[in-house]
PDB file of N, CA and C in Angstrom:
ATOM      1  N   MET A   1     129.800  80.933 117.370  1.00  0.00           N
ATOM      2  CA  MET A   1     129.359  80.728 118.745  1.00  0.00           C
ATOM      3  C   MET A   1     127.862  81.002 118.829  1.00  0.00           C
ATOM      4  N   SER A   2     127.108  79.985 119.246  1.00  0.00           N
ATOM      5  CA  SER A   2     125.651  80.072 119.283  1.00  0.00           C
ATOM      6  C   SER A   2     125.166  79.809 120.699  1.00  0.00           C
ATOM      7  N   LEU A   3     124.843  80.866 121.417  1.00  0.00           N
ATOM      8  CA  LEU A   3     124.349  80.735 122.787  1.00  0.00           C
ATOM      9  C   LEU A   3     122.922  80.212 122.761  1.00  0.00           C
ATOM     10  N   HIS A   4     122.647  79.263 123.657  1.00  0.00           N
ATOM     11  CA  HIS A   4     121.356  78.572 123.642  1.00  0.00           C
ATOM     12  C   HIS A   4     120.800  78.419 125.051  1.00  0.00           C
ATOM     13  N   TYR A   5     119.488  78.242 125.125  1.00  0.00           N
ATOM     14  CA  TYR A   5     118.743  78.093 126.382  1.00  0.00           C
ATOM     15  C   TYR A   5     117.917  76.825 126.273  1.00  0.00           C
ATOM     16  N   LEU A   6     118.037  75.946 127.263  1.00  0.00           N
ATOM     17  CA  LEU A   6     117.275  74.704 127.267  1.00  0.00           C
ATOM     18  C   LEU A   6     116.732  74.473 128.673  1.00  0.00           C
ATOM     19  N   SER A   7     115.461  74.172 128.758  1.00  0.00           N
ATOM     20  CA  SER A   7     114.816  73.918 130.045  1.00  0.00           C
ATOM     21  C   SER A   7     113.971  72.657 129.918  1.00  0.00           C
ATOM     22  N   TYR A   8     113.951  71.868 131.000  1.00  0.00           N
ATOM     23  CA  TYR A   8     113.149  70.644 130.983  1.00  0.00           C
ATOM     24  C   TYR A   8     112.618  70.360 132.379  1.00  0.00           C
ATOM     25  N   GLN A   9     111.658  69.451 132.429  1.00  0.00           N
ATOM     26  CA  GLN A   9     111.167  68.925 133.711  1.00  0.00           C
ATOM     27  C   GLN A   9     111.237  67.412 133.638  1.00  0.00           C
ATOM     28  N   SER A  10     111.346  66.786 134.798  1.00  0.00           N
ATOM     29  CA  SER A  10     111.376  65.324 134.859  1.00  0.00           C
ATOM     30  C   SER A  10     110.910  64.871 136.235  1.00  0.00           C
ATOM     31  N   VAL A  11     110.743  63.560 136.372  1.00  0.00           N
ATOM     32  CA  VAL A  11     110.273  62.964 137.617  1.00  0.00           C
ATOM     33  C   VAL A  11     111.324  61.977 138.116  1.00  0.00           C
ATOM     34  N   ALA A  12     111.744  62.142 139.356  1.00  0.00           N
ATOM     35  CA  ALA A  12     112.715  61.220 139.960  1.00  0.00           C
ATOM     36  C   ALA A  12     112.066  59.856 140.142  1.00  0.00           C
ATOM     37  N   LEU A  13     112.819  58.801 139.852  1.00  0.00           N
ATOM     38  CA  LEU A  13     112.288  57.450 140.052  1.00  0.00           C
ATOM     39  C   LEU A  13     112.229  57.098 141.531  1.00  0.00           C
ATOM     40  N   GLN A  14     113.124  57.683 142.328  1.00  0.00           N
ATOM     41  CA  GLN A  14     113.117  57.540 143.781  1.00  0.00           C
ATOM     42  C   GLN A  14     113.403  58.920 144.370  1.00  0.00           C
ATOM     43  N   PRO A  15     112.878  59.208 145.552  1.00  0.00           N
ATOM     44  CA  PRO A  15     113.170  60.504 146.165  1.00  0.00           C
ATOM     45  C   PRO A  15     114.676  60.692 146.343  1.00  0.00           C
ATOM     46  N   PHE A  16     115.138  61.906 146.114  1.00  0.00           N
ATOM     47  CA  PHE A  16     116.546  62.243 146.302  1.00  0.00           C
ATOM     48  C   PHE A  16     116.759  62.758 147.716  1.00  0.00           C
ATOM     49  N   SER A  17     117.728  62.194 148.402  1.00  0.00           N
ATOM     50  CA  SER A  17     118.114  62.709 149.713  1.00  0.00           C
ATOM     51  C   SER A  17     118.925  63.986 149.503  1.00  0.00           C
ATOM     52  N   ASP A  18     119.103  64.756 150.569  1.00  0.00           N
ATOM     53  CA  ASP A  18     119.943  65.957 150.478  1.00  0.00           C
ATOM     54  C   ASP A  18     121.353  65.583 150.042  1.00  0.00           C
ATOM     55  N   GLU A  19     121.853  64.471 150.553  1.00  0.00           N
ATOM     56  CA  GLU A  19     123.202  64.021 150.195  1.00  0.00           C
ATOM     57  C   GLU A  19     123.296  63.680 148.706  1.00  0.00           C
ATOM     58  N   ALA A  20     122.306  62.983 148.186  1.00  0.00           N
ATOM     59  CA  ALA A  20     122.295  62.629 146.765  1.00  0.00           C
ATOM     60  C   ALA A  20     122.202  63.875 145.887  1.00  0.00           C
ATOM     61  N   LEU A  21     121.406  64.850 146.306  1.00  0.00           N
ATOM     62  CA  LEU A  21     121.290  66.096 145.553  1.00  0.00           C
ATOM     63  C   LEU A  21     122.602  66.876 145.577  1.00  0.00           C
ATOM     64  N   GLN A  22     123.246  66.911 146.729  1.00  0.00           N
ATOM     65  CA  GLN A  22     124.533  67.610 146.821  1.00  0.00           C
ATOM     66  C   GLN A  22     125.583  66.954 145.935  1.00  0.00           C
ATOM     67  N   ASP A  23     125.571  65.626 145.869  1.00  0.00           N
ATOM     68  CA  ASP A  23     126.500  64.904 145.006  1.00  0.00           C
ATOM     69  C   ASP A  23     126.218  65.218 143.538  1.00  0.00           C
ATOM     70  N   LEU A  24     124.956  65.192 143.152  1.00  0.00           N
ATOM     71  CA  LEU A  24     124.571  65.526 141.781  1.00  0.00           C
ATOM     72  C   LEU A  24     125.017  66.940 141.428  1.00  0.00           C
ATOM     73  N   LEU A  25     124.789  67.883 142.330  1.00  0.00           N
ATOM     74  CA  LEU A  25     125.168  69.277 142.088  1.00  0.00           C
ATOM     75  C   LEU A  25     126.674  69.456 141.975  1.00  0.00           C
ATOM     76  N   ALA A  26     127.423  68.780 142.831  1.00  0.00           N
ATOM     77  CA  ALA A  26     128.886  68.895 142.786  1.00  0.00           C
ATOM     78  C   ALA A  26     129.414  68.439 141.432  1.00  0.00           C
ATOM     79  N   LYS A  27     128.916  67.322 140.942  1.00  0.00           N
ATOM     80  CA  LYS A  27     129.355  66.808 139.637  1.00  0.00           C
ATOM     81  C   LYS A  27     128.896  67.730 138.506  1.00  0.00           C
ATOM     82  N   ALA A  28     127.680  68.215 138.593  1.00  0.00           N
ATOM     83  CA  ALA A  28     127.159  69.114 137.560  1.00  0.00           C
ATOM     84  C   ALA A  28     127.973  70.404 137.499  1.00  0.00           C
ATOM     85  N   ARG A  29     128.327  70.936 138.645  1.00  0.00           N
ATOM     86  CA  ARG A  29     129.084  72.190 138.671  1.00  0.00           C
ATOM     87  C   ARG A  29     130.466  72.027 138.052  1.00  0.00           C
ATOM     88  N   VAL A  30     131.123  70.918 138.318  1.00  0.00           N
ATOM     89  CA  VAL A  30     132.443  70.665 137.723  1.00  0.00           C
ATOM     90  C   VAL A  30     132.310  70.605 136.201  1.00  0.00           C
ATOM     91  N   TYR A  31     131.345  69.821 135.723  1.00  0.00           N
ATOM     92  CA  TYR A  31     131.111  69.704 134.282  1.00  0.00           C
ATOM     93  C   TYR A  31     130.772  71.068 133.685  1.00  0.00           C
ATOM     94  N   ASN A  32     129.858  71.776 134.323  1.00  0.00           N
ATOM     95  CA  ASN A  32     129.380  73.043 133.783  1.00  0.00           C
ATOM     96  C   ASN A  32     130.479  74.094 133.698  1.00  0.00           C
ATOM     97  N   ILE A  33     131.322  74.161 134.700  1.00  0.00           N
ATOM     98  CA  ILE A  33     132.431  75.118 134.654  1.00  0.00           C
ATOM     99  C   ILE A  33     133.366  74.777 133.493  1.00  0.00           C
ATOM    100  N   ALA A  34     133.678  73.500 133.342  1.00  0.00           N
ATOM    101  CA  ALA A  34     134.580  73.064 132.274  1.00  0.00           C
ATOM    102  C   ALA A  34     134.006  73.310 130.883  1.00  0.00           C
ATOM    103  N   HIS A  35     132.670  73.304 130.761  1.00  0.00           N
ATOM    104  CA  HIS A  35     132.025  73.435 129.452  1.00  0.00           C
ATOM    105  C   HIS A  35     131.273  74.758 129.284  1.00  0.00           C
ATOM    106  N   GLN A  36     131.483  75.684 130.202  1.00  0.00           N
ATOM    107  CA  GLN A  36     130.861  77.017 130.158  1.00  0.00           C
ATOM    108  C   GLN A  36     129.331  76.944 130.065  1.00  0.00           C
ATOM    109  N   VAL A  37     128.767  76.079 130.907  1.00  0.00           N
ATOM    110  CA  VAL A  37     127.316  75.945 131.018  1.00  0.00           C
ATOM    111  C   VAL A  37     126.886  76.634 132.310  1.00  0.00           C
ATOM    112  N   SER A  38     125.824  77.409 132.236  1.00  0.00           N
ATOM    113  CA  SER A  38     125.261  78.029 133.438  1.00  0.00           C
ATOM    114  C   SER A  38     123.802  77.602 133.547  1.00  0.00           C
ATOM    115  N   GLY A  39     123.198  77.870 134.709  1.00  0.00           N
ATOM    116  CA  GLY A  39     121.791  77.518 134.861  1.00  0.00           C
ATOM    117  C   GLY A  39     121.372  77.319 136.294  1.00  0.00           C
ATOM    118  N   MET A  40     120.251  76.635 136.462  1.00  0.00           N
ATOM    119  CA  MET A  40     119.723  76.372 137.801  1.00  0.00           C
ATOM    120  C   MET A  40     118.953  75.065 137.795  1.00  0.00           C
ATOM    121  N   LEU A  41     118.818  74.490 138.988  1.00  0.00           N
ATOM    122  CA  LEU A  41     118.085  73.242 139.185  1.00  0.00           C
ATOM    123  C   LEU A  41     117.111  73.434 140.335  1.00  0.00           C
ATOM    124  N   LEU A  42     115.862  73.057 140.100  1.00  0.00           N
ATOM    125  CA  LEU A  42     114.842  73.068 141.151  1.00  0.00           C
ATOM    126  C   LEU A  42     114.422  71.626 141.404  1.00  0.00           C
ATOM    127  N   TYR A  43     114.228  71.286 142.678  1.00  0.00           N
ATOM    128  CA  TYR A  43     113.755  69.949 143.035  1.00  0.00           C
ATOM    129  C   TYR A  43     112.726  70.081 144.141  1.00  0.00           C
ATOM    130  N   ARG A  44     111.593  69.427 143.927  1.00  0.00           N
ATOM    131  CA  ARG A  44     110.549  69.431 144.957  1.00  0.00           C
ATOM    132  C   ARG A  44     109.633  68.236 144.735  1.00  0.00           C
ATOM    133  N   ASP A  45     109.403  67.499 145.804  1.00  0.00           N
ATOM    134  CA  ASP A  45     108.463  66.376 145.779  1.00  0.00           C
ATOM    135  C   ASP A  45     108.699  65.433 144.600  1.00  0.00           C
ATOM    136  N   GLY A  46     109.965  65.130 144.349  1.00  0.00           N
ATOM    137  CA  GLY A  46     110.297  64.187 143.293  1.00  0.00           C
ATOM    138  C   GLY A  46     110.284  64.748 141.884  1.00  0.00           C
ATOM    139  N   GLN A  47     110.078  66.043 141.769  1.00  0.00           N
ATOM    140  CA  GLN A  47     110.033  66.706 140.466  1.00  0.00           C
ATOM    141  C   GLN A  47     111.283  67.572 140.272  1.00  0.00           C
ATOM    142  N   PHE A  48     111.866  67.494 139.092  1.00  0.00           N
ATOM    143  CA  PHE A  48     112.986  68.349 138.725  1.00  0.00           C
ATOM    144  C   PHE A  48     112.553  69.331 137.651  1.00  0.00           C
ATOM    145  N   VAL A  49     113.082  70.530 137.732  1.00  0.00           N
ATOM    146  CA  VAL A  49     113.038  71.502 136.643  1.00  0.00           C
ATOM    147  C   VAL A  49     114.449  72.057 136.545  1.00  0.00           C
ATOM    148  N   GLN A  50     114.992  72.041 135.344  1.00  0.00           N
ATOM    149  CA  GLN A  50     116.351  72.540 135.171  1.00  0.00           C
ATOM    150  C   GLN A  50     116.394  73.486 133.985  1.00  0.00           C
ATOM    151  N   VAL A  51     117.194  74.537 134.136  1.00  0.00           N
ATOM    152  CA  VAL A  51     117.465  75.501 133.083  1.00  0.00           C
ATOM    153  C   VAL A  51     118.951  75.417 132.785  1.00  0.00           C
ATOM    154  N   LEU A  52     119.288  75.303 131.507  1.00  0.00           N
ATOM    155  CA  LEU A  52     120.680  75.231 131.077  1.00  0.00           C
ATOM    156  C   LEU A  52     120.935  76.305 130.024  1.00  0.00           C
ATOM    157  N   GLU A  53     122.101  76.951 130.110  1.00  0.00           N
ATOM    158  CA  GLU A  53     122.510  77.947 129.130  1.00  0.00           C
ATOM    159  C   GLU A  53     123.935  77.621 128.688  1.00  0.00           C
ATOM    160  N   GLY A  54     124.193  77.757 127.414  1.00  0.00           N
ATOM    161  CA  GLY A  54     125.539  77.526 126.913  1.00  0.00           C
ATOM    162  C   GLY A  54     125.544  77.395 125.410  1.00  0.00           C
ATOM    163  N   GLU A  55     126.675  76.958 124.884  1.00  0.00           N
ATOM    164  CA  GLU A  55     126.786  76.721 123.448  1.00  0.00           C
ATOM    165  C   GLU A  55     125.807  75.623 123.048  1.00  0.00           C
ATOM    166  N   GLU A  56     125.140  75.804 121.928  1.00  0.00           N
ATOM    167  CA  GLU A  56     124.096  74.869 121.531  1.00  0.00           C
ATOM    168  C   GLU A  56     124.601  73.434 121.418  1.00  0.00           C
ATOM    169  N   ASP A  57     125.757  73.225 120.793  1.00  0.00           N
ATOM    170  CA  ASP A  57     126.249  71.851 120.633  1.00  0.00           C
ATOM    171  C   ASP A  57     126.598  71.209 121.968  1.00  0.00           C
ATOM    172  N   VAL A  58     127.094  72.004 122.905  1.00  0.00           N
ATOM    173  CA  VAL A  58     127.402  71.494 124.254  1.00  0.00           C
ATOM    174  C   VAL A  58     126.111  71.090 124.959  1.00  0.00           C
ATOM    175  N   LEU A  59     125.081  71.940 124.857  1.00  0.00           N
ATOM    176  CA  LEU A  59     123.799  71.629 125.514  1.00  0.00           C
ATOM    177  C   LEU A  59     123.129  70.408 124.900  1.00  0.00           C
ATOM    178  N   ARG A  60     123.222  70.252 123.602  1.00  0.00           N
ATOM    179  CA  ARG A  60     122.622  69.081 122.950  1.00  0.00           C
ATOM    180  C   ARG A  60     123.260  67.788 123.475  1.00  0.00           C
ATOM    181  N   GLU A  61     124.581  67.794 123.572  1.00  0.00           N
ATOM    182  CA  GLU A  61     125.286  66.609 124.086  1.00  0.00           C
ATOM    183  C   GLU A  61     124.910  66.353 125.548  1.00  0.00           C
ATOM    184  N   LEU A  62     124.890  67.406 126.348  1.00  0.00           N
ATOM    185  CA  LEU A  62     124.540  67.272 127.764  1.00  0.00           C
ATOM    186  C   LEU A  62     123.094  66.800 127.922  1.00  0.00           C
ATOM    187  N   TYR A  63     122.187  67.340 127.147  1.00  0.00           N
ATOM    188  CA  TYR A  63     120.774  66.975 127.263  1.00  0.00           C
ATOM    189  C   TYR A  63     120.550  65.513 126.879  1.00  0.00           C
ATOM    190  N   THR A  64     121.294  65.023 125.921  1.00  0.00           N
ATOM    191  CA  THR A  64     121.205  63.600 125.567  1.00  0.00           C
ATOM    192  C   THR A  64     121.590  62.739 126.765  1.00  0.00           C
ATOM    193  N   LYS A  65     122.642  63.125 127.473  1.00  0.00           N
ATOM    194  CA  LYS A  65     123.055  62.396 128.687  1.00  0.00           C
ATOM    195  C   LYS A  65     121.979  62.492 129.757  1.00  0.00           C
ATOM    196  N   ILE A  66     121.426  63.676 129.929  1.00  0.00           N
ATOM    197  CA  ILE A  66     120.380  63.879 130.934  1.00  0.00           C
ATOM    198  C   ILE A  66     119.170  62.998 130.627  1.00  0.00           C
ATOM    199  N   GLN A  67     118.767  62.960 129.378  1.00  0.00           N
ATOM    200  CA  GLN A  67     117.597  62.161 128.995  1.00  0.00           C
ATOM    201  C   GLN A  67     117.811  60.671 129.264  1.00  0.00           C
ATOM    202  N   ARG A  68     119.041  60.220 129.185  1.00  0.00           N
ATOM    203  CA  ARG A  68     119.347  58.804 129.407  1.00  0.00           C
ATOM    204  C   ARG A  68     119.648  58.464 130.871  1.00  0.00           C
ATOM    205  N   ASP A  69     119.692  59.456 131.727  1.00  0.00           N
ATOM    206  CA  ASP A  69     120.023  59.235 133.143  1.00  0.00           C
ATOM    207  C   ASP A  69     118.935  58.361 133.777  1.00  0.00           C
ATOM    208  N   PRO A  70     119.306  57.212 134.351  1.00  0.00           N
ATOM    209  CA  PRO A  70     118.312  56.283 134.893  1.00  0.00           C
ATOM    210  C   PRO A  70     117.688  56.725 136.217  1.00  0.00           C
ATOM    211  N   ARG A  71     118.113  57.846 136.764  1.00  0.00           N
ATOM    212  CA  ARG A  71     117.561  58.301 138.046  1.00  0.00           C
ATOM    213  C   ARG A  71     116.247  59.048 137.895  1.00  0.00           C
ATOM    214  N   HIS A  72     115.873  59.365 136.657  1.00  0.00           N
ATOM    215  CA  HIS A  72     114.607  60.074 136.453  1.00  0.00           C
ATOM    216  C   HIS A  72     113.946  59.604 135.165  1.00  0.00           C
ATOM    217  N   THR A  73     112.689  60.005 134.995  1.00  0.00           N
ATOM    218  CA  THR A  73     111.890  59.599 133.836  1.00  0.00           C
ATOM    219  C   THR A  73     111.008  60.766 133.413  1.00  0.00           C
ATOM    220  N   ASN A  74     110.248  60.551 132.346  1.00  0.00           N
ATOM    221  CA  ASN A  74     109.317  61.578 131.853  1.00  0.00           C
ATOM    222  C   ASN A  74     110.012  62.923 131.646  1.00  0.00           C
ATOM    223  N   VAL A  75     111.143  62.891 130.969  1.00  0.00           N
ATOM    224  CA  VAL A  75     111.877  64.124 130.672  1.00  0.00           C
ATOM    225  C   VAL A  75     111.138  64.856 129.557  1.00  0.00           C
ATOM    226  N   VAL A  76     110.676  66.063 129.867  1.00  0.00           N
ATOM    227  CA  VAL A  76     109.891  66.853 128.927  1.00  0.00           C
ATOM    228  C   VAL A  76     110.595  68.185 128.702  1.00  0.00           C
ATOM    229  N   THR A  77     110.876  68.487 127.446  1.00  0.00           N
ATOM    230  CA  THR A  77     111.495  69.764 127.094  1.00  0.00           C
ATOM    231  C   THR A  77     110.470  70.880 127.244  1.00  0.00           C
ATOM    232  N   LEU A  78     110.843  71.914 127.970  1.00  0.00           N
ATOM    233  CA  LEU A  78     109.965  73.068 128.171  1.00  0.00           C
ATOM    234  C   LEU A  78     110.321  74.213 127.221  1.00  0.00           C
ATOM    235  N   VAL A  79     111.628  74.481 127.111  1.00  0.00           N
ATOM    236  CA  VAL A  79     112.118  75.551 126.240  1.00  0.00           C
ATOM    237  C   VAL A  79     113.394  75.064 125.582  1.00  0.00           C
ATOM    238  N   ASP A  80     113.533  75.358 124.302  1.00  0.00           N
ATOM    239  CA  ASP A  80     114.724  74.997 123.537  1.00  0.00           C
ATOM    240  C   ASP A  80     114.866  76.059 122.451  1.00  0.00           C
ATOM    241  N   GLU A  81     115.677  77.088 122.730  1.00  0.00           N
ATOM    242  CA  GLU A  81     115.737  78.212 121.803  1.00  0.00           C
ATOM    243  C   GLU A  81     117.050  78.981 121.929  1.00  0.00           C
ATOM    244  N   PRO A  82     117.360  79.776 120.913  1.00  0.00           N
ATOM    245  CA  PRO A  82     118.547  80.625 120.997  1.00  0.00           C
ATOM    246  C   PRO A  82     118.409  81.607 122.153  1.00  0.00           C
ATOM    247  N   LEU A  83     119.537  82.028 122.666  1.00  0.00           N
ATOM    248  CA  LEU A  83     119.550  82.941 123.814  1.00  0.00           C
ATOM    249  C   LEU A  83     120.466  84.120 123.488  1.00  0.00           C
ATOM    250  N   PRO A  84     119.938  85.338 123.487  1.00  0.00           N
ATOM    251  CA  PRO A  84     120.791  86.491 123.169  1.00  0.00           C
ATOM    252  C   PRO A  84     121.811  86.806 124.265  1.00  0.00           C
ATOM    253  N   GLN A  85     121.430  86.527 125.526  1.00  0.00           N
ATOM    254  CA  GLN A  85     122.304  86.863 126.653  1.00  0.00           C
ATOM    255  C   GLN A  85     121.965  85.938 127.820  1.00  0.00           C
ATOM    256  N   ARG A  86     123.003  85.471 128.534  1.00  0.00           N
ATOM    257  CA  ARG A  86     122.789  84.582 129.680  1.00  0.00           C
ATOM    258  C   ARG A  86     121.972  85.273 130.776  1.00  0.00           C
ATOM    259  N   LYS A  87     121.121  84.493 131.416  1.00  0.00           N
ATOM    260  CA  LYS A  87     120.342  84.972 132.560  1.00  0.00           C
ATOM    261  C   LYS A  87     120.984  84.520 133.866  1.00  0.00           C
ATOM    262  N   PHE A  88     121.787  83.445 133.806  1.00  0.00           N
ATOM    263  CA  PHE A  88     122.413  82.862 134.991  1.00  0.00           C
ATOM    264  C   PHE A  88     123.932  82.840 134.846  1.00  0.00           C
ATOM    265  N   SER A  89     124.501  83.890 134.331  1.00  0.00           N
ATOM    266  CA  SER A  89     125.923  83.902 133.991  1.00  0.00           C
ATOM    267  C   SER A  89     126.845  83.656 135.190  1.00  0.00           C
ATOM    268  N   ALA A  90     126.406  83.992 136.372  1.00  0.00           N
ATOM    269  CA  ALA A  90     127.254  83.816 137.558  1.00  0.00           C
ATOM    270  C   ALA A  90     127.041  82.460 138.229  1.00  0.00           C
ATOM    271  N   TRP A  91     126.172  81.639 137.689  1.00  0.00           N
ATOM    272  CA  TRP A  91     125.818  80.373 138.338  1.00  0.00           C
ATOM    273  C   TRP A  91     126.217  79.191 137.473  1.00  0.00           C
ATOM    274  N   SER A  92     127.198  78.399 137.935  1.00  0.00           N
ATOM    275  CA  SER A  92     127.524  77.182 137.214  1.00  0.00           C
ATOM    276  C   SER A  92     126.385  76.175 137.359  1.00  0.00           C
ATOM    277  N   MET A  93     125.688  76.231 138.483  1.00  0.00           N
ATOM    278  CA  MET A  93     124.437  75.493 138.676  1.00  0.00           C
ATOM    279  C   MET A  93     123.849  75.922 140.005  1.00  0.00           C
ATOM    280  N   ALA A  94     122.976  76.900 139.952  1.00  0.00           N
ATOM    281  CA  ALA A  94     122.268  77.316 141.158  1.00  0.00           C
ATOM    282  C   ALA A  94     121.283  76.214 141.511  1.00  0.00           C
ATOM    283  N   TYR A  95     120.928  76.167 142.778  1.00  0.00           N
ATOM    284  CA  TYR A  95     120.039  75.089 143.230  1.00  0.00           C
ATOM    285  C   TYR A  95     119.043  75.631 144.233  1.00  0.00           C
ATOM    286  N   ARG A  96     117.839  75.150 144.115  1.00  0.00           N
ATOM    287  CA  ARG A  96     116.787  75.481 145.087  1.00  0.00           C
ATOM    288  C   ARG A  96     116.007  74.207 145.364  1.00  0.00           C
ATOM    289  N   HIS A  97     115.882  73.848 146.639  1.00  0.00           N
ATOM    290  CA  HIS A  97     115.143  72.638 147.049  1.00  0.00           C
ATOM    291  C   HIS A  97     113.705  73.032 147.337  1.00  0.00           C
TER     292      HIS A  97
END
C-alpha cells in the first residue's frame, strides 16, 4: 500500500455554473469514496486547483482521466509525491468556490 499526494491546476474551457460544479462534485465524491481518495477542489475565475490523496495506482488512473477531461485545458502537475499521512482524511472531496 503506497499512499500518494497529487496536486494540479487547470483552466476551464468555459465558466462553470454553480449547478455544473455541484454535479462535478457529486460524481467525484461517489468515485472518491469507492476508491478511498480524499482531497479538495478550488475553483475561481475559471481556474481549478485540486489536491488528491490515495493509493498511487488509483491516483495515476484518476489523473489520466482528469487530464483527458474536455471541460478544461492546461493541466499542470504541481505536486506528485509519496504521502506519509493523509491531510484530508475526512474529505472525500472538499470544495471551495
